[in-house]
Amino acid sequence: MRILVTGAAGFIGMHVCQLLLSRGDEVLGIDNLNDYYDPVLKNSRLSLLNKYSNFEFKKLDISDALSLNASFKKYTPKVVINLAAQAGVRYSITRPEVYIDSNLVGFANILEACRHHDVKHLLYASSSSVYGSNTKVPFAVGDQTENPVSLYAATKKSNELMAHAYSHLFGIATTGIRYFTVYGPWGRPDMAPWLFTEAILQNKEINVFNHGKMRRDFTYVADAAEATVALLDASLIIQSGTDSRHPFNIVNVGSDKPIELLRFIELLENSLGIIAKKRLLPMQQGDVVATWADLDGLRALIPYQPKVSIEIGIAKFVEWYQYHNGLNASN
């Protein structure tokens, strides 16, 4: 199968590409390799993908409609997985313009390219952030999502609405995936696992917001990637005519086992063998107290069961982090 994956050098993107490539799919990876965080990490991920003969890479920004359409025309993908986006809740407060360019203009370009190039299914990354300040848990897909507390969340909700319009108007099959706090090896430097691990190893304080009284539904990256590929396969069955469901879907992908932030820090401490210095702070602007994924909708489509516990996942991340940064010569 010929598949186009945007954000291929990103955290989730790399893992999704690896799964597709290892089973023999042809993948065109697209990424603009921007400097939101160190591009060296993105190029290191890309170097792993370039080892596959069935992988092709093009440096491209999805906000560039002409270049994007040229790639669609040349590559003729059957399926598109759009994981390209400007990430980060807090960054959206200081640099809103980059979210508009990538998450809104870029996503509109993706929808238009799918419309004009006979793409069978578009899967795209949404986010648990769309649930905003909801207090009802677990978060179900049908819950209210009209009160985002960050621009990042607002752009992701906008993506879902845009996809619904294209599914309705043009019959394009779309699946939005609301990922819940994905973590693991090759993770982003702006996320808590990396930030906390780096600070603990350097004997620096870590910022613990809301005095640690926050809960997150942490999702190990391999579980998130496997769910994404399984949804891709399920979508093709749906489009083959064996299922008459509406071509628009949204699902949660999480672990369904939220833990407190202080427990998360404790697991990092156990893996590192170092007690963290904690700076307890009030709630941060744009953040939410708790996330928890209701997976009933996902399991109606695929037989999903997370395989990696938070205890094992944190240990795997710490092991990778130390190796990647040259701190563990034995690996």
C-alpha atoms as a PDB file:
ATOM      1  CA  MET A   1       0.000   0.000   0.000  1.00  0.00           C
ATOM      2  CA  ARG A   2       1.211   3.500  -0.830  1.00  0.00           C
ATOM      3  CA  ILE A   3       0.877   5.843   2.145  1.00  0.00           C
ATOM      4  CA  LEU A   4       1.805   9.489   2.664  1.00  0.00           C
ATOM      5  CA  VAL A   5       2.750  10.396   6.245  1.00  0.00           C
ATOM      6  CA  THR A   6       3.211  14.038   7.203  1.00  0.00           C
ATOM      7  CA  GLY A   7       5.286  14.858  10.266  1.00  0.00           C
ATOM      8  CA  ALA A   8       7.315  11.738   9.496  1.00  0.00           C
ATOM      9  CA  ALA A   9      10.362  12.978  11.425  1.00  0.00           C
ATOM     10  CA  GLY A  10       8.221  13.760  14.443  1.00  0.00           C
ATOM     11  CA  PHE A  11       7.803  11.679  17.578  1.00  0.00           C
ATOM     12  CA  ILE A  12       4.642   9.743  16.741  1.00  0.00           C
ATOM     13  CA  GLY A  13       5.301  10.038  13.005  1.00  0.00           C
ATOM     14  CA  MET A  14       8.588   8.152  13.157  1.00  0.00           C
ATOM     15  CA  HIS A  15       7.041   5.250  15.083  1.00  0.00           C
ATOM     16  CA  VAL A  16       4.050   5.043  12.720  1.00  0.00           C
ATOM     17  CA  CYS A  17       6.375   5.038   9.701  1.00  0.00           C
ATOM     18  CA  GLN A  18       8.504   2.264  11.210  1.00  0.00           C
ATOM     19  CA  LEU A  19       5.459   0.045  11.649  1.00  0.00           C
ATOM     20  CA  LEU A  20       4.265   0.656   8.089  1.00  0.00           C
ATOM     21  CA  LEU A  21       7.700   0.161   6.562  1.00  0.00           C
ATOM     22  CA  SER A  22       8.470  -2.996   8.523  1.00  0.00           C
ATOM     23  CA  ARG A  23       5.368  -4.680   7.107  1.00  0.00           C
ATOM     24  CA  GLY A  24       6.195  -3.663   3.530  1.00  0.00           C
ATOM     25  CA  ASP A  25       4.097  -0.581   2.815  1.00  0.00           C
ATOM     26  CA  GLU A  26       5.541   2.154   0.610  1.00  0.00           C
ATOM     27  CA  VAL A  27       5.793   5.389   2.574  1.00  0.00           C
ATOM     28  CA  LEU A  28       6.413   8.947   1.450  1.00  0.00           C
ATOM     29  CA  GLY A  29       7.403  10.902   4.538  1.00  0.00           C
ATOM     30  CA  ILE A  30       6.926  14.661   4.612  1.00  0.00           C
ATOM     31  CA  ASP A  31       8.312  17.018   7.253  1.00  0.00           C
ATOM     32  CA  ASN A  32       9.519  20.618   7.299  1.00  0.00           C
ATOM     33  CA  LEU A  33      12.163  19.826   9.975  1.00  0.00           C
ATOM     34  CA  ASN A  34      11.511  23.153  11.718  1.00  0.00           C
ATOM     35  CA  ASP A  35      13.442  24.373  14.742  1.00  0.00           C
ATOM     36  CA  TYR A  36      10.635  24.310  17.349  1.00  0.00           C
ATOM     37  CA  TYR A  37      13.059  21.909  19.024  1.00  0.00           C
ATOM     38  CA  ASP A  38      16.521  20.777  17.954  1.00  0.00           C
ATOM     39  CA  PRO A  39      16.328  19.503  14.344  1.00  0.00           C
ATOM     40  CA  VAL A  40      19.201  17.145  15.165  1.00  0.00           C
ATOM     41  CA  LEU A  41      16.706  14.915  16.965  1.00  0.00           C
ATOM     42  CA  LYS A  42      14.370  14.989  13.965  1.00  0.00           C
ATOM     43  CA  ASN A  43      17.230  14.103  11.614  1.00  0.00           C
ATOM     44  CA  SER A  44      18.244  11.247  13.910  1.00  0.00           C
ATOM     45  CA  ARG A  45      14.720   9.846  13.696  1.00  0.00           C
ATOM     46  CA  LEU A  46      14.807  10.326   9.939  1.00  0.00           C
ATOM     47  CA  SER A  47      18.096   8.418   9.672  1.00  0.00           C
ATOM     48  CA  LEU A  48      16.343   5.352  11.101  1.00  0.00           C
ATOM     49  CA  LEU A  49      13.615   5.576   8.470  1.00  0.00           C
ATOM     50  CA  ASN A  50      16.063   6.122   5.620  1.00  0.00           C
ATOM     51  CA  LYS A  51      17.414   2.600   6.203  1.00  0.00           C
ATOM     52  CA  TYR A  52      14.234   1.213   4.632  1.00  0.00           C
ATOM     53  CA  SER A  53      14.265   0.860   0.847  1.00  0.00           C
ATOM     54  CA  ASN A  54      10.487   1.415   0.755  1.00  0.00           C
ATOM     55  CA  PHE A  55      10.800   4.857   2.372  1.00  0.00           C
ATOM     56  CA  GLU A  56      11.066   8.138   0.516  1.00  0.00           C
ATOM     57  CA  PHE A  57      11.428  11.515   2.203  1.00  0.00           C
ATOM     58  CA  LYS A  58      10.616  15.025   1.042  1.00  0.00           C
ATOM     59  CA  LYS A  59      11.309  18.149   3.060  1.00  0.00           C
ATOM     60  CA  LEU A  60       8.120  20.111   2.696  1.00  0.00           C
ATOM     61  CA  ASP A  61       5.868  22.412   4.718  1.00  0.00           C
ATOM     62  CA  ILE A  62       2.183  21.494   4.471  1.00  0.00           C
ATOM     63  CA  SER A  63       1.323  25.207   4.473  1.00  0.00           C
ATOM     64  CA  ASP A  64       2.890  25.311   0.969  1.00  0.00           C
ATOM     65  CA  ALA A  65      -0.125  24.236  -1.095  1.00  0.00           C
ATOM     66  CA  LEU A  66       1.651  24.122  -4.468  1.00  0.00           C
ATOM     67  CA  SER A  67       4.485  21.858  -3.281  1.00  0.00           C
ATOM     68  CA  LEU A  68       2.082  19.673  -1.331  1.00  0.00           C
ATOM     69  CA  ASN A  69      -0.175  19.142  -4.344  1.00  0.00           C
ATOM     70  CA  ALA A  70       2.828  18.328  -6.523  1.00  0.00           C
ATOM     71  CA  SER A  71       3.842  15.599  -4.067  1.00  0.00           C
ATOM     72  CA  PHE A  72       0.312  14.157  -4.026  1.00  0.00           C
ATOM     73  CA  LYS A  73       0.222  14.154  -7.832  1.00  0.00           C
ATOM     74  CA  LYS A  74       3.602  12.453  -8.153  1.00  0.00           C
ATOM     75  CA  TYR A  75       3.221   9.917  -5.347  1.00  0.00           C
ATOM     76  CA  THR A  76      -0.542   9.120  -5.710  1.00  0.00           C
ATOM     77  CA  PRO A  77      -1.024   7.885  -2.124  1.00  0.00           C
ATOM     78  CA  LYS A  78      -3.980   5.646  -1.320  1.00  0.00           C
ATOM     79  CA  VAL A  79      -4.049   6.753   2.322  1.00  0.00           C
ATOM     80  CA  VAL A  80      -2.772   9.869   4.114  1.00  0.00           C
ATOM     81  CA  ILE A  81      -1.781  10.037   7.789  1.00  0.00           C
ATOM     82  CA  ASN A  82      -1.450  13.685   8.779  1.00  0.00           C
ATOM     83  CA  LEU A  83       0.716  13.987  11.897  1.00  0.00           C
ATOM     84  CA  ALA A  84       2.296  17.313  10.921  1.00  0.00           C
ATOM     85  CA  ALA A  85       1.295  20.126  13.246  1.00  0.00           C
ATOM     86  CA  GLN A  86       2.743  22.783  15.466  1.00  0.00           C
ATOM     87  CA  ALA A  87       2.713  21.088  18.850  1.00  0.00           C
ATOM     88  CA  GLY A  88       2.745  22.454  22.376  1.00  0.00           C
ATOM     89  CA  VAL A  89       0.075  24.101  24.493  1.00  0.00           C
ATOM     90  CA  ARG A  90       2.301  26.717  26.119  1.00  0.00           C
ATOM     91  CA  TYR A  91       4.104  27.750  22.927  1.00  0.00           C
ATOM     92  CA  SER A  92       0.731  28.631  21.383  1.00  0.00           C
ATOM     93  CA  ILE A  93       0.389  31.438  23.929  1.00  0.00           C
ATOM     94  CA  THR A  94       3.566  33.178  22.758  1.00  0.00           C
ATOM     95  CA  ARG A  95       3.649  32.215  19.045  1.00  0.00           C
ATOM     96  CA  PRO A  96       0.047  31.892  17.853  1.00  0.00           C
ATOM     97  CA  GLU A  97       0.887  32.660  14.237  1.00  0.00           C
ATOM     98  CA  VAL A  98       2.780  29.396  13.666  1.00  0.00           C
ATOM     99  CA  TYR A  99      -0.270  27.421  14.823  1.00  0.00           C
ATOM    100  CA  ILE A 100      -2.457  29.217  12.312  1.00  0.00           C
ATOM    101  CA  ASP A 101      -0.008  28.481   9.474  1.00  0.00           C
ATOM    102  CA  SER A 102       0.564  24.806  10.238  1.00  0.00           C
ATOM    103  CA  ASN A 103      -2.548  23.600  12.026  1.00  0.00           C
ATOM    104  CA  LEU A 104      -5.184  25.542  10.089  1.00  0.00           C
ATOM    105  CA  VAL A 105      -3.761  26.555   6.698  1.00  0.00           C
ATOM    106  CA  GLY A 106      -1.686  23.392   6.476  1.00  0.00           C
ATOM    107  CA  PHE A 107      -4.578  21.132   7.400  1.00  0.00           C
ATOM    108  CA  ALA A 108      -6.857  22.841   4.880  1.00  0.00           C
ATOM    109  CA  ASN A 109      -4.217  22.146   2.232  1.00  0.00           C
ATOM    110  CA  ILE A 110      -4.165  18.479   3.241  1.00  0.00           C
ATOM    111  CA  LEU A 111      -7.958  18.233   2.921  1.00  0.00           C
ATOM    112  CA  GLU A 112      -7.905  19.890  -0.493  1.00  0.00           C
ATOM    113  CA  ALA A 113      -5.110  17.607  -1.714  1.00  0.00           C
ATOM    114  CA  CYS A 114      -7.045  14.538  -0.525  1.00  0.00           C
ATOM    115  CA  ARG A 115     -10.157  15.840  -2.274  1.00  0.00           C
ATOM    116  CA  HIS A 116      -8.451  16.314  -5.635  1.00  0.00           C
ATOM    117  CA  HIS A 117      -6.200  13.226  -5.637  1.00  0.00           C
ATOM    118  CA  ASP A 118      -8.643  10.415  -4.863  1.00  0.00           C
ATOM    119  CA  VAL A 119      -7.294   9.576  -1.401  1.00  0.00           C
ATOM    120  CA  LYS A 120      -9.278   6.712   0.138  1.00  0.00           C
ATOM    121  CA  HIS A 121      -8.864   7.742   3.763  1.00  0.00           C
ATOM    122  CA  LEU A 122      -7.330  10.558   5.781  1.00  0.00           C
ATOM    123  CA  LEU A 123      -6.258   9.865   9.338  1.00  0.00           C
ATOM    124  CA  TYR A 124      -5.105  12.915  11.269  1.00  0.00           C
ATOM    125  CA  ALA A 125      -3.810  13.810  14.712  1.00  0.00           C
ATOM    126  CA  SER A 126      -6.218  15.602  16.974  1.00  0.00           C
ATOM    127  CA  SER A 127      -5.559  15.912  20.706  1.00  0.00           C
ATOM    128  CA  SER A 128      -7.002  15.283  24.154  1.00  0.00           C
ATOM    129  CA  SER A 129      -6.586  19.047  24.573  1.00  0.00           C
ATOM    130  CA  VAL A 130      -9.903  19.563  22.776  1.00  0.00           C
ATOM    131  CA  TYR A 131     -11.719  18.496  25.961  1.00  0.00           C
ATOM    132  CA  GLY A 132     -10.553  21.734  27.559  1.00  0.00           C
ATOM    133  CA  SER A 133     -11.650  22.248  31.150  1.00  0.00           C
ATOM    134  CA  ASN A 134     -14.160  19.371  31.160  1.00  0.00           C
ATOM    135  CA  THR A 135     -14.539  17.903  34.643  1.00  0.00           C
ATOM    136  CA  LYS A 136     -16.463  14.768  33.610  1.00  0.00           C
ATOM    137  CA  VAL A 137     -14.121  11.797  33.307  1.00  0.00           C
ATOM    138  CA  PRO A 138     -13.312   9.694  31.450  1.00  0.00           C
ATOM    139  CA  PHE A 139     -13.478  11.903  28.358  1.00  0.00           C
ATOM    140  CA  ALA A 140     -15.789  10.390  25.752  1.00  0.00           C
ATOM    141  CA  VAL A 141     -15.777  11.416  22.098  1.00  0.00           C
ATOM    142  CA  GLY A 142     -19.346  12.670  22.388  1.00  0.00           C
ATOM    143  CA  ASP A 143     -18.529  15.009  25.284  1.00  0.00           C
ATOM    144  CA  GLN A 144     -18.677  18.782  24.935  1.00  0.00           C
ATOM    145  CA  THR A 145     -15.531  20.212  23.311  1.00  0.00           C
ATOM    146  CA  GLU A 146     -16.586  23.796  22.693  1.00  0.00           C
ATOM    147  CA  ASN A 147     -14.453  25.453  25.384  1.00  0.00           C
ATOM    148  CA  PRO A 148     -10.764  25.060  24.514  1.00  0.00           C
ATOM    149  CA  VAL A 149      -8.352  26.624  27.005  1.00  0.00           C
ATOM    150  CA  SER A 150      -5.451  27.113  24.569  1.00  0.00           C
ATOM    151  CA  LEU A 151      -5.044  28.123  20.939  1.00  0.00           C
ATOM    152  CA  TYR A 152      -3.406  24.764  20.268  1.00  0.00           C
ATOM    153  CA  ALA A 153      -6.586  23.010  21.437  1.00  0.00           C
ATOM    154  CA  ALA A 154      -8.717  25.403  19.372  1.00  0.00           C
ATOM    155  CA  THR A 155      -6.785  24.537  16.205  1.00  0.00           C
ATOM    156  CA  LYS A 156      -7.226  20.813  16.852  1.00  0.00           C
ATOM    157  CA  LYS A 157     -10.963  21.226  17.365  1.00  0.00           C
ATOM    158  CA  SER A 158     -11.023  23.258  14.163  1.00  0.00           C
ATOM    159  CA  ASN A 159      -9.346  20.365  12.335  1.00  0.00           C
ATOM    160  CA  GLU A 160     -12.146  18.057  13.421  1.00  0.00           C
ATOM    161  CA  LEU A 161     -14.801  20.474  12.186  1.00  0.00           C
ATOM    162  CA  MET A 162     -13.003  20.994   8.882  1.00  0.00           C
ATOM    163  CA  ALA A 163     -12.697  17.229   8.397  1.00  0.00           C
ATOM    164  CA  HIS A 164     -16.402  16.804   9.118  1.00  0.00           C
ATOM    165  CA  ALA A 165     -17.268  19.376   6.455  1.00  0.00           C
ATOM    166  CA  TYR A 166     -15.116  17.625   3.837  1.00  0.00           C
ATOM    167  CA  SER A 167     -16.510  14.213   4.765  1.00  0.00           C
ATOM    168  CA  HIS A 168     -20.037  15.585   4.425  1.00  0.00           C
ATOM    169  CA  LEU A 169     -19.520  17.624   1.260  1.00  0.00           C
ATOM    170  CA  PHE A 170     -17.135  15.423  -0.711  1.00  0.00           C
ATOM    171  CA  GLY A 171     -17.451  11.954   0.846  1.00  0.00           C
ATOM    172  CA  ILE A 172     -13.832  11.924   1.989  1.00  0.00           C
ATOM    173  CA  ALA A 173     -13.361   9.334   4.722  1.00  0.00           C
ATOM    174  CA  THR A 174     -11.616  10.933   7.699  1.00  0.00           C
ATOM    175  CA  THR A 175     -10.589   9.687  11.145  1.00  0.00           C
ATOM    176  CA  GLY A 176      -9.426  12.115  13.823  1.00  0.00           C
ATOM    177  CA  ILE A 177      -7.269  10.602  16.556  1.00  0.00           C
ATOM    178  CA  ARG A 178      -7.335  12.348  19.926  1.00  0.00           C
ATOM    179  CA  TYR A 179      -3.978  11.269  21.343  1.00  0.00           C
ATOM    180  CA  PHE A 180      -3.590  11.400  25.125  1.00  0.00           C
ATOM    181  CA  THR A 181      -0.122  12.464  26.439  1.00  0.00           C
ATOM    182  CA  VAL A 182       2.066  10.232  24.291  1.00  0.00           C
ATOM    183  CA  TYR A 183       5.516   9.510  25.750  1.00  0.00           C
ATOM    184  CA  GLY A 184       8.427   7.125  25.270  1.00  0.00           C
ATOM    185  CA  PRO A 185      11.765   6.760  23.422  1.00  0.00           C
ATOM    186  CA  TRP A 186      12.481   9.476  20.842  1.00  0.00           C
ATOM    187  CA  GLY A 187      10.070  11.816  22.647  1.00  0.00           C
ATOM    188  CA  ARG A 188      10.075  15.587  22.366  1.00  0.00           C
ATOM    189  CA  PRO A 189      12.423  17.752  24.494  1.00  0.00           C
ATOM    190  CA  ASP A 190       9.568  20.113  25.429  1.00  0.00           C
ATOM    191  CA  MET A 191       7.531  17.389  27.150  1.00  0.00           C
ATOM    192  CA  ALA A 192       7.561  16.443  30.841  1.00  0.00           C
ATOM    193  CA  PRO A 193       9.484  13.125  30.595  1.00  0.00           C
ATOM    194  CA  TRP A 194      12.448  14.799  28.887  1.00  0.00           C
ATOM    195  CA  LEU A 195      12.318  18.043  30.865  1.00  0.00           C
ATOM    196  CA  PHE A 196      12.081  16.268  34.219  1.00  0.00           C
ATOM    197  CA  THR A 197      14.739  13.656  33.399  1.00  0.00           C
ATOM    198  CA  GLU A 198      17.174  16.312  32.199  1.00  0.00           C
ATOM    199  CA  ALA A 199      16.619  18.473  35.300  1.00  0.00           C
ATOM    200  CA  ILE A 200      16.910  15.566  37.745  1.00  0.00           C
ATOM    201  CA  LEU A 201      20.193  14.421  36.206  1.00  0.00           C
ATOM    202  CA  GLN A 202      21.538  17.980  36.402  1.00  0.00           C
ATOM    203  CA  ASN A 203      20.427  18.320  40.037  1.00  0.00           C
ATOM    204  CA  LYS A 204      18.050  21.146  39.102  1.00  0.00           C
ATOM    205  CA  GLU A 205      14.556  21.850  40.360  1.00  0.00           C
ATOM    206  CA  ILE A 206      11.600  20.635  38.338  1.00  0.00           C
ATOM    207  CA  ASN A 207       8.470  22.753  38.062  1.00  0.00           C
ATOM    208  CA  VAL A 208       5.497  20.829  39.442  1.00  0.00           C
ATOM    209  CA  PHE A 209       2.327  22.700  38.531  1.00  0.00           C
ATOM    210  CA  ASN A 210      -0.858  22.651  40.579  1.00  0.00           C
ATOM    211  CA  HIS A 211       1.337  21.283  43.381  1.00  0.00           C
ATOM    212  CA  GLY A 212       1.378  17.928  41.625  1.00  0.00           C
ATOM    213  CA  LYS A 213      -2.380  17.464  41.917  1.00  0.00           C
ATOM    214  CA  MET A 214      -2.829  16.683  38.238  1.00  0.00           C
ATOM    215  CA  ARG A 215      -3.652  13.425  36.509  1.00  0.00           C
ATOM    216  CA  ARG A 216      -2.642  12.384  33.019  1.00  0.00           C
ATOM    217  CA  ASP A 217      -3.598   9.452  30.821  1.00  0.00           C
ATOM    218  CA  PHE A 218      -0.061   8.650  29.636  1.00  0.00           C
ATOM    219  CA  THR A 219       0.088   6.648  26.392  1.00  0.00           C
ATOM    220  CA  TYR A 220       3.241   4.766  25.421  1.00  0.00           C
ATOM    221  CA  VAL A 221       4.285   5.708  21.896  1.00  0.00           C
ATOM    222  CA  ALA A 222       4.381   2.144  20.556  1.00  0.00           C
ATOM    223  CA  ASP A 223       0.783   1.634  21.701  1.00  0.00           C
ATOM    224  CA  ALA A 224      -0.259   4.910  20.044  1.00  0.00           C
ATOM    225  CA  ALA A 225       1.479   3.963  16.790  1.00  0.00           C
ATOM    226  CA  GLU A 226      -0.063   0.474  16.734  1.00  0.00           C
ATOM    227  CA  ALA A 227      -3.523   1.952  17.282  1.00  0.00           C
ATOM    228  CA  THR A 228      -2.950   4.389  14.413  1.00  0.00           C
ATOM    229  CA  VAL A 229      -1.940   1.659  11.972  1.00  0.00           C
ATOM    230  CA  ALA A 230      -4.806  -0.581  13.113  1.00  0.00           C
ATOM    231  CA  LEU A 231      -7.231   2.300  12.468  1.00  0.00           C
ATOM    232  CA  LEU A 232      -5.738   2.698   9.001  1.00  0.00           C
ATOM    233  CA  ASP A 233      -6.384  -0.971   8.254  1.00  0.00           C
ATOM    234  CA  ALA A 234      -9.897  -0.797   9.702  1.00  0.00           C
ATOM    235  CA  SER A 235     -10.639   2.281   7.602  1.00  0.00           C
ATOM    236  CA  LEU A 236      -9.833   0.410   4.403  1.00  0.00           C
ATOM    237  CA  ILE A 237     -12.245  -2.360   5.362  1.00  0.00           C
ATOM    238  CA  ILE A 238     -14.910   0.267   5.973  1.00  0.00           C
ATOM    239  CA  GLN A 239     -14.274   1.868   2.588  1.00  0.00           C
ATOM    240  CA  SER A 240     -14.307  -1.471   0.751  1.00  0.00           C
ATOM    241  CA  GLY A 241     -18.074  -1.550   1.139  1.00  0.00           C
ATOM    242  CA  THR A 242     -18.292  -4.150   3.902  1.00  0.00           C
ATOM    243  CA  ASP A 243     -19.335  -1.503   6.396  1.00  0.00           C
ATOM    244  CA  SER A 244     -21.784   1.335   5.844  1.00  0.00           C
ATOM    245  CA  ARG A 245     -20.621   3.642   8.623  1.00  0.00           C
ATOM    246  CA  HIS A 246     -20.396   7.366   7.956  1.00  0.00           C
ATOM    247  CA  PRO A 247     -16.962   8.303   6.552  1.00  0.00           C
ATOM    248  CA  PHE A 248     -16.285  10.685   9.472  1.00  0.00           C
ATOM    249  CA  ASN A 249     -14.899   9.288  12.710  1.00  0.00           C
ATOM    250  CA  ILE A 250     -13.168  10.582  15.848  1.00  0.00           C
ATOM    251  CA  VAL A 251     -11.554   8.309  18.428  1.00  0.00           C
ATOM    252  CA  ASN A 252      -9.567   8.606  21.643  1.00  0.00           C
ATOM    253  CA  VAL A 253      -6.210   6.850  21.911  1.00  0.00           C
ATOM    254  CA  GLY A 254      -4.964   6.603  25.482  1.00  0.00           C
ATOM    255  CA  SER A 255      -4.120   4.076  28.181  1.00  0.00           C
ATOM    256  CA  ASP A 256      -7.368   4.389  30.175  1.00  0.00           C
ATOM    257  CA  LYS A 257      -5.190   4.412  33.309  1.00  0.00           C
ATOM    258  CA  PRO A 258      -4.482   8.011  34.395  1.00  0.00           C
ATOM    259  CA  ILE A 259      -1.894   8.586  37.123  1.00  0.00           C
ATOM    260  CA  GLU A 260      -1.027  11.555  39.316  1.00  0.00           C
ATOM    261  CA  LEU A 261       1.876  13.756  38.310  1.00  0.00           C
ATOM    262  CA  LEU A 262       3.679  13.020  41.586  1.00  0.00           C
ATOM    263  CA  ARG A 263       3.478   9.280  40.856  1.00  0.00           C
ATOM    264  CA  PHE A 264       4.896   9.930  37.404  1.00  0.00           C
ATOM    265  CA  ILE A 265       7.820  11.817  38.981  1.00  0.00           C
ATOM    266  CA  GLU A 266       8.319   8.988  41.474  1.00  0.00           C
ATOM    267  CA  LEU A 267       8.677   6.499  38.622  1.00  0.00           C
ATOM    268  CA  LEU A 268      11.303   8.730  37.000  1.00  0.00           C
ATOM    269  CA  GLU A 269      13.141   8.930  40.328  1.00  0.00           C
ATOM    270  CA  ASN A 270      13.079   5.137  40.645  1.00  0.00           C
ATOM    271  CA  SER A 271      14.473   4.647  37.124  1.00  0.00           C
ATOM    272  CA  LEU A 272      17.191   7.271  37.603  1.00  0.00           C
ATOM    273  CA  GLY A 273      18.045   6.413  41.201  1.00  0.00           C
ATOM    274  CA  ILE A 274      17.866  10.120  42.099  1.00  0.00           C
ATOM    275  CA  ILE A 275      15.315  12.056  44.154  1.00  0.00           C
ATOM    276  CA  ALA A 276      13.998  15.077  42.285  1.00  0.00           C
ATOM    277  CA  LYS A 277      14.105  18.594  43.666  1.00  0.00           C
ATOM    278  CA  LYS A 278      10.542  19.813  43.262  1.00  0.00           C
ATOM    279  CA  ARG A 279       9.353  23.386  42.911  1.00  0.00           C
ATOM    280  CA  LEU A 280       5.630  23.317  43.646  1.00  0.00           C
ATOM    281  CA  LEU A 281       3.731  25.912  41.618  1.00  0.00           C
ATOM    282  CA  PRO A 282       0.106  26.916  40.989  1.00  0.00           C
ATOM    283  CA  MET A 283      -1.820  25.856  37.906  1.00  0.00           C
ATOM    284  CA  GLN A 284      -0.312  27.063  34.647  1.00  0.00           C
ATOM    285  CA  GLN A 285      -2.272  29.027  32.058  1.00  0.00           C
ATOM    286  CA  GLY A 286      -3.714  26.819  29.318  1.00  0.00           C
ATOM    287  CA  ASP A 287      -3.307  23.600  31.321  1.00  0.00           C
ATOM    288  CA  VAL A 288      -5.982  21.194  32.582  1.00  0.00           C
ATOM    289  CA  VAL A 289      -6.247  19.278  35.861  1.00  0.00           C
ATOM    290  CA  ALA A 290      -6.932  15.815  34.493  1.00  0.00           C
ATOM    291  CA  THR A 291      -7.172  13.765  31.316  1.00  0.00           C
ATOM    292  CA  TRP A 292      -8.631  10.290  30.932  1.00  0.00           C
ATOM    293  CA  ALA A 293      -9.582   8.561  27.694  1.00  0.00           C
ATOM    294  CA  ASP A 294     -12.823   6.680  27.248  1.00  0.00           C
ATOM    295  CA  LEU A 295     -11.839   4.015  24.703  1.00  0.00           C
ATOM    296  CA  ASP A 296     -15.245   2.535  23.888  1.00  0.00           C
ATOM    297  CA  GLY A 297     -15.411   4.236  20.479  1.00  0.00           C
ATOM    298  CA  LEU A 298     -11.913   3.097  19.566  1.00  0.00           C
ATOM    299  CA  ARG A 299     -12.611  -0.483  20.585  1.00  0.00           C
ATOM    300  CA  ALA A 300     -15.713  -0.503  18.428  1.00  0.00           C
ATOM    301  CA  LEU A 301     -13.353  -0.142  15.448  1.00  0.00           C
ATOM    302  CA  ILE A 302     -10.244  -2.097  16.495  1.00  0.00           C
ATOM    303  CA  PRO A 303      -9.349  -4.626  19.244  1.00  0.00           C
ATOM    304  CA  TYR A 304      -7.174  -2.139  21.133  1.00  0.00           C
ATOM    305  CA  GLN A 305      -5.455  -2.976  24.394  1.00  0.00           C
ATOM    306  CA  PRO A 306      -2.386  -0.998  25.541  1.00  0.00           C
ATOM    307  CA  LYS A 307       0.587  -3.311  26.021  1.00  0.00           C
ATOM    308  CA  VAL A 308       3.090  -1.137  27.912  1.00  0.00           C
ATOM    309  CA  SER A 309       2.453  -0.128  31.524  1.00  0.00           C
ATOM    310  CA  ILE A 310       3.551   3.270  32.810  1.00  0.00           C
ATOM    311  CA  GLU A 311       6.190   1.587  34.990  1.00  0.00           C
ATOM    312  CA  ILE A 312       7.793  -0.188  32.036  1.00  0.00           C
ATOM    313  CA  GLY A 313       7.272   2.764  29.700  1.00  0.00           C
ATOM    314  CA  ILE A 314       9.071   5.225  31.966  1.00  0.00           C
ATOM    315  CA  ALA A 315      11.969   2.793  32.426  1.00  0.00           C
ATOM    316  CA  LYS A 316      12.228   2.393  28.638  1.00  0.00           C
ATOM    317  CA  PHE A 317      12.211   6.158  28.139  1.00  0.00           C
ATOM    318  CA  VAL A 318      14.933   6.726  30.754  1.00  0.00           C
ATOM    319  CA  GLU A 319      17.068   3.963  29.220  1.00  0.00           C
ATOM    320  CA  TRP A 320      16.716   5.527  25.777  1.00  0.00           C
ATOM    321  CA  TYR A 321      17.355   9.052  27.084  1.00  0.00           C
ATOM    322  CA  GLN A 322      20.598   8.026  28.762  1.00  0.00           C
ATOM    323  CA  TYR A 323      21.805   6.174  25.696  1.00  0.00           C
ATOM    324  CA  HIS A 324      20.789   8.945  23.294  1.00  0.00           C
ATOM    325  CA  ASN A 325      22.646  11.537  25.372  1.00  0.00           C
ATOM    326  CA  GLY A 326      25.733   9.385  25.871  1.00  0.00           C
ATOM    327  CA  LEU A 327      25.075   8.795  29.569  1.00  0.00           C
ATOM    328  CA  ASN A 328      24.996   4.999  29.487  1.00  0.00           C
ATOM    329  CA  ALA A 329      27.958   3.490  27.711  1.00  0.00           C
ATOM    330  CA  SER A 330      26.785  -0.067  28.422  1.00  0.00           C
ATOM    331  CA  ASN A 331      23.928   0.205  25.878  1.00  0.00           C
END
